[in-house]
Amino acid sequence: MNLNIKNLQYVLFDWDNTLAVTRPILVKVVNEVLTEYNLPPWEEVKKQRNPDLSFRDNFPNIFGKEHYEEAYERYRKLYLEQMPSLIQTFSKVPEVLDFFNKKNIPMIIVSNKDKVLLEREVSILFKSEYFCKIVSGHEAERDKPYPEQIFFALKGLLKPEEITPEKVWMIGDSPQDSRCAQAAHARAIRIGTPIWEEKETQWKGVEHFSDFECFYKALAKN
């Protein structure tokens, strides 16, 4: 697969299950909160989620409109307590980031995640100079899968009409990331399998790599 970086100006990365291994932490902590609310475990209640919404924005669907705010605050507190000793990245992610850094191609994190959690995790895993911007959930008018989050991430850098697959890559693990990329006319690159819906097959126009090692090998040909 040809990954020509000649005209590449910005690389956008999703966070959860792309740059960071966070699913085990999420499941562990949300199950603790579900138990406190006498609700079934995550594997059962996640069926109630809307796939077009972030994990946080699905809390009303899971905990109900009366309790979702307090439930999320409890989740955030427990997550911040437990995450530092559990979080890790994937093999070859540091090499990929170092590759783009040495090529002087700016990198941006674009995630639907809570800003408090996201910025804390990034500070633990990676060098601050790797990313020129970190965009979290609810900063743009609409989050992924809508294009506004990419437009927000590139505000002051590229106008929406200047975005092309050659200039901007959006790298993620899920259909949300790919749909956002395609809606903004960026290049959609999928690595691994979706964190939520393993059976999703929305691959049209998406370039797929099984893991970062394969992605890195393709990049190294430049």
Protein backbone atom coordinates (compact mmCIF):
# COMPACT_ATOMS: atom_id res chain seq x y z
CA MET A 1 0.00 0.00 0.00
CA ASN A 2 1.43 3.37 -1.05
CA LEU A 3 1.75 5.88 1.78
CA ASN A 4 3.39 8.78 -0.03
CA ILE A 5 4.00 11.63 2.41
CA LYS A 6 5.29 14.12 -0.18
CA ASN A 7 2.27 16.44 0.16
CA LEU A 8 1.25 15.45 3.69
CA GLN A 9 0.75 18.50 5.93
CA TYR A 10 -1.07 17.18 9.02
CA VAL A 11 -1.61 13.79 10.65
CA LEU A 12 -4.63 13.43 12.93
CA PHE A 13 -4.85 10.55 15.39
CA ASP A 14 -7.75 9.15 17.34
CA TRP A 15 -6.79 8.29 20.93
CA ASP A 16 -8.66 5.35 22.49
CA ASN A 17 -7.67 2.02 20.97
CA THR A 18 -5.50 3.86 18.44
CA LEU A 19 -2.60 5.47 20.28
CA ALA A 20 -3.58 4.23 23.74
CA VAL A 21 -4.71 0.89 25.13
CA THR A 22 -7.59 2.15 27.25
CA ARG A 23 -10.42 -0.31 26.71
CA PRO A 24 -9.47 -2.59 29.65
CA ILE A 25 -9.39 0.43 31.99
CA LEU A 26 -12.72 1.72 30.71
CA VAL A 27 -14.44 -1.64 31.10
CA LYS A 28 -13.00 -2.22 34.57
CA VAL A 29 -14.05 1.19 35.87
CA VAL A 30 -17.46 1.41 34.23
CA ASN A 31 -18.32 -2.04 35.63
CA GLU A 32 -17.50 -0.76 39.12
CA VAL A 33 -19.87 2.17 38.59
CA LEU A 34 -22.57 -0.06 37.10
CA THR A 35 -22.34 -2.30 40.17
CA GLU A 36 -22.78 0.73 42.43
CA TYR A 37 -25.98 1.56 40.53
CA ASN A 38 -27.22 -2.04 40.61
CA LEU A 39 -27.08 -2.29 36.84
CA PRO A 40 -25.98 -5.23 34.65
CA PRO A 41 -22.33 -5.44 33.51
CA TRP A 42 -20.95 -3.48 30.57
CA GLU A 43 -21.11 -6.35 28.08
CA GLU A 44 -24.88 -6.30 28.50
CA VAL A 45 -25.68 -2.60 28.89
CA LYS A 46 -23.41 -1.48 26.02
CA LYS A 47 -26.12 -2.77 23.66
CA GLN A 48 -28.10 0.33 24.64
CA ARG A 49 -25.44 2.72 23.29
CA ASN A 50 -25.77 4.90 20.23
CA PRO A 51 -22.70 4.19 18.02
CA ASP A 52 -22.69 7.78 16.76
CA LEU A 53 -22.15 9.12 20.28
CA SER A 54 -19.06 9.07 22.48
CA PHE A 55 -18.79 6.85 25.54
CA ARG A 56 -19.53 9.83 27.80
CA ASP A 57 -22.50 10.98 25.73
CA ASN A 58 -24.01 7.51 26.02
CA PHE A 59 -24.29 7.77 29.80
CA PRO A 60 -27.93 9.01 29.67
CA ASN A 61 -28.80 5.90 27.63
CA ILE A 62 -27.22 3.64 30.25
CA PHE A 63 -27.73 5.35 33.61
CA GLY A 64 -30.87 7.33 32.81
CA LYS A 65 -31.42 11.07 32.56
CA GLU A 66 -31.69 11.49 36.34
CA HIS A 67 -28.40 9.83 37.24
CA TYR A 68 -26.07 10.07 34.25
CA GLU A 69 -24.23 13.21 35.40
CA GLU A 70 -23.40 11.90 38.87
CA ALA A 71 -22.59 8.48 37.40
CA TYR A 72 -20.13 10.03 34.96
CA GLU A 73 -18.45 12.06 37.69
CA ARG A 74 -18.02 8.87 39.69
CA TYR A 75 -16.60 7.14 36.61
CA ARG A 76 -14.17 10.01 35.96
CA LYS A 77 -12.94 9.98 39.57
CA LEU A 78 -12.31 6.23 39.60
CA TYR A 79 -10.74 6.33 36.14
CA LEU A 80 -8.26 9.05 37.12
CA GLU A 81 -7.31 7.06 40.21
CA GLN A 82 -6.70 3.77 38.41
CA MET A 83 -5.56 4.80 34.93
CA PRO A 84 -1.92 5.87 35.63
CA SER A 85 -0.83 2.37 36.64
CA LEU A 86 -2.73 0.63 33.83
CA ILE A 87 -2.45 2.72 30.68
CA GLN A 88 -0.07 1.74 27.89
CA THR A 89 0.42 2.24 24.18
CA PHE A 90 0.63 -0.24 21.30
CA SER A 91 3.80 -1.71 19.82
CA LYS A 92 5.43 0.58 17.22
CA VAL A 93 3.32 3.63 18.12
CA PRO A 94 6.38 5.50 19.50
CA GLU A 95 8.29 4.73 16.30
CA VAL A 96 5.43 6.03 14.15
CA LEU A 97 5.20 9.25 16.14
CA ASP A 98 8.96 9.67 15.99
CA PHE A 99 8.85 9.16 12.21
CA PHE A 100 6.38 12.01 11.67
CA ASN A 101 8.19 14.19 14.20
CA LYS A 102 11.51 13.79 12.36
CA LYS A 103 9.79 14.57 9.06
CA ASN A 104 8.43 17.79 10.64
CA ILE A 105 4.84 16.78 9.91
CA PRO A 106 2.58 18.20 12.67
CA MET A 107 0.43 15.73 14.58
CA ILE A 108 -2.92 16.39 16.24
CA ILE A 109 -4.99 14.20 18.53
CA VAL A 110 -8.70 14.26 17.67
CA SER A 111 -10.80 12.40 20.24
CA ASN A 112 -14.37 12.46 21.54
CA LYS A 113 -12.97 11.79 25.00
CA ASP A 114 -13.44 13.97 28.09
CA LYS A 115 -10.77 16.69 28.04
CA VAL A 116 -9.65 16.06 31.63
CA LEU A 117 -9.06 12.35 31.01
CA LEU A 118 -7.52 12.81 27.57
CA GLU A 119 -4.95 15.42 28.52
CA ARG A 120 -3.93 13.45 31.61
CA GLU A 121 -3.40 10.28 29.58
CA VAL A 122 -1.43 12.02 26.84
CA SER A 123 0.88 13.58 29.44
CA ILE A 124 1.62 10.13 30.88
CA LEU A 125 2.29 8.30 27.62
CA PHE A 126 4.01 10.70 25.23
CA LYS A 127 6.36 13.66 24.87
CA SER A 128 4.45 16.94 24.85
CA GLU A 129 6.27 18.17 21.73
CA TYR A 130 4.83 15.36 19.61
CA PHE A 131 1.43 17.04 19.24
CA CYS A 132 0.76 20.58 18.11
CA LYS A 133 -2.84 20.36 19.29
CA ILE A 134 -5.10 18.07 21.34
CA VAL A 135 -8.82 18.20 20.55
CA SER A 136 -11.24 16.54 22.96
CA GLY A 137 -14.97 15.93 22.97
CA HIS A 138 -17.43 18.85 22.94
CA GLU A 139 -14.84 21.37 21.71
CA ALA A 140 -16.10 21.34 18.14
CA GLU A 141 -19.71 22.02 17.17
CA ARG A 142 -20.10 18.25 16.66
CA ASP A 143 -17.78 15.38 17.54
CA LYS A 144 -16.79 12.45 15.33
CA PRO A 145 -18.21 10.97 13.13
CA TYR A 146 -19.04 14.47 11.87
CA PRO A 147 -16.45 16.55 9.98
CA GLU A 148 -16.69 19.55 12.30
CA GLN A 149 -14.16 18.02 14.68
CA ILE A 150 -11.51 17.85 11.95
CA PHE A 151 -12.37 21.37 10.83
CA PHE A 152 -11.96 22.52 14.44
CA ALA A 153 -8.64 20.68 14.78
CA LEU A 154 -7.29 22.40 11.66
CA LYS A 155 -8.75 25.83 12.37
CA GLY A 156 -6.12 28.45 11.61
CA LEU A 157 -4.01 25.82 9.84
CA LEU A 158 -6.09 24.71 6.85
CA LYS A 159 -9.47 25.87 5.58
CA PRO A 160 -12.09 23.11 5.12
CA GLU A 161 -11.92 23.51 1.33
CA GLU A 162 -8.14 23.00 1.45
CA ILE A 163 -8.36 19.55 3.05
CA THR A 164 -7.48 16.69 0.70
CA PRO A 165 -6.46 13.04 1.25
CA GLU A 166 -2.91 13.97 0.23
CA LYS A 167 -2.64 16.81 2.76
CA VAL A 168 -4.48 15.39 5.79
CA TRP A 169 -4.63 11.88 7.22
CA MET A 170 -7.07 10.79 9.92
CA ILE A 171 -5.85 7.61 11.65
CA GLY A 172 -8.17 5.67 13.93
CA ASP A 173 -9.58 2.27 14.80
CA SER A 174 -13.30 2.73 14.20
CA PRO A 175 -15.96 3.59 11.62
CA GLN A 176 -16.50 6.85 13.58
CA ASP A 177 -12.96 7.92 12.72
CA SER A 178 -13.20 6.85 9.09
CA ARG A 179 -16.57 8.50 8.53
CA CYS A 180 -15.25 11.72 10.05
CA ALA A 181 -12.21 11.62 7.76
CA GLN A 182 -14.25 10.99 4.64
CA ALA A 183 -16.80 13.66 5.50
CA ALA A 184 -13.96 16.19 5.84
CA HIS A 185 -12.25 14.90 2.65
CA ALA A 186 -9.19 13.67 4.57
CA ARG A 187 -7.52 10.29 4.05
CA ALA A 188 -9.17 7.60 6.18
CA ILE A 189 -6.70 5.12 7.67
CA ARG A 190 -7.92 2.32 9.95
CA ILE A 191 -5.55 0.45 12.26
CA GLY A 192 -6.64 -2.67 14.10
CA THR A 193 -10.28 -3.45 14.83
CA PRO A 194 -13.04 -1.24 16.27
CA ILE A 195 -13.16 -0.98 20.05
CA TRP A 196 -16.96 -1.22 20.18
CA GLU A 197 -18.40 -3.00 17.17
CA GLU A 198 -16.01 -5.71 16.04
CA LYS A 199 -18.44 -6.83 13.34
CA GLU A 200 -18.72 -3.43 11.68
CA THR A 201 -17.65 -3.59 8.04
CA GLN A 202 -17.74 0.04 6.90
CA TRP A 203 -14.49 -0.22 4.94
CA LYS A 204 -15.32 1.48 1.60
CA GLY A 205 -12.62 4.01 0.81
CA VAL A 206 -10.73 3.18 4.01
CA GLU A 207 -7.10 2.02 4.02
CA HIS A 208 -6.61 -0.68 6.63
CA PHE A 209 -3.57 -1.93 8.53
CA SER A 210 -3.78 -4.78 11.00
CA ASP A 211 -1.51 -3.00 13.49
CA PHE A 212 1.04 -0.20 13.87
CA GLU A 213 3.90 -2.49 12.91
CA CYS A 214 2.41 -2.93 9.43
CA PHE A 215 1.67 0.78 9.24
CA TYR A 216 5.23 1.65 10.25
CA LYS A 217 6.70 -0.67 7.61
CA ALA A 218 4.62 1.06 4.93
CA LEU A 219 5.69 4.50 6.18
CA ALA A 220 9.35 3.54 6.27
CA LYS A 221 9.34 3.16 2.48
CA ASN A 222 9.25 6.95 2.16
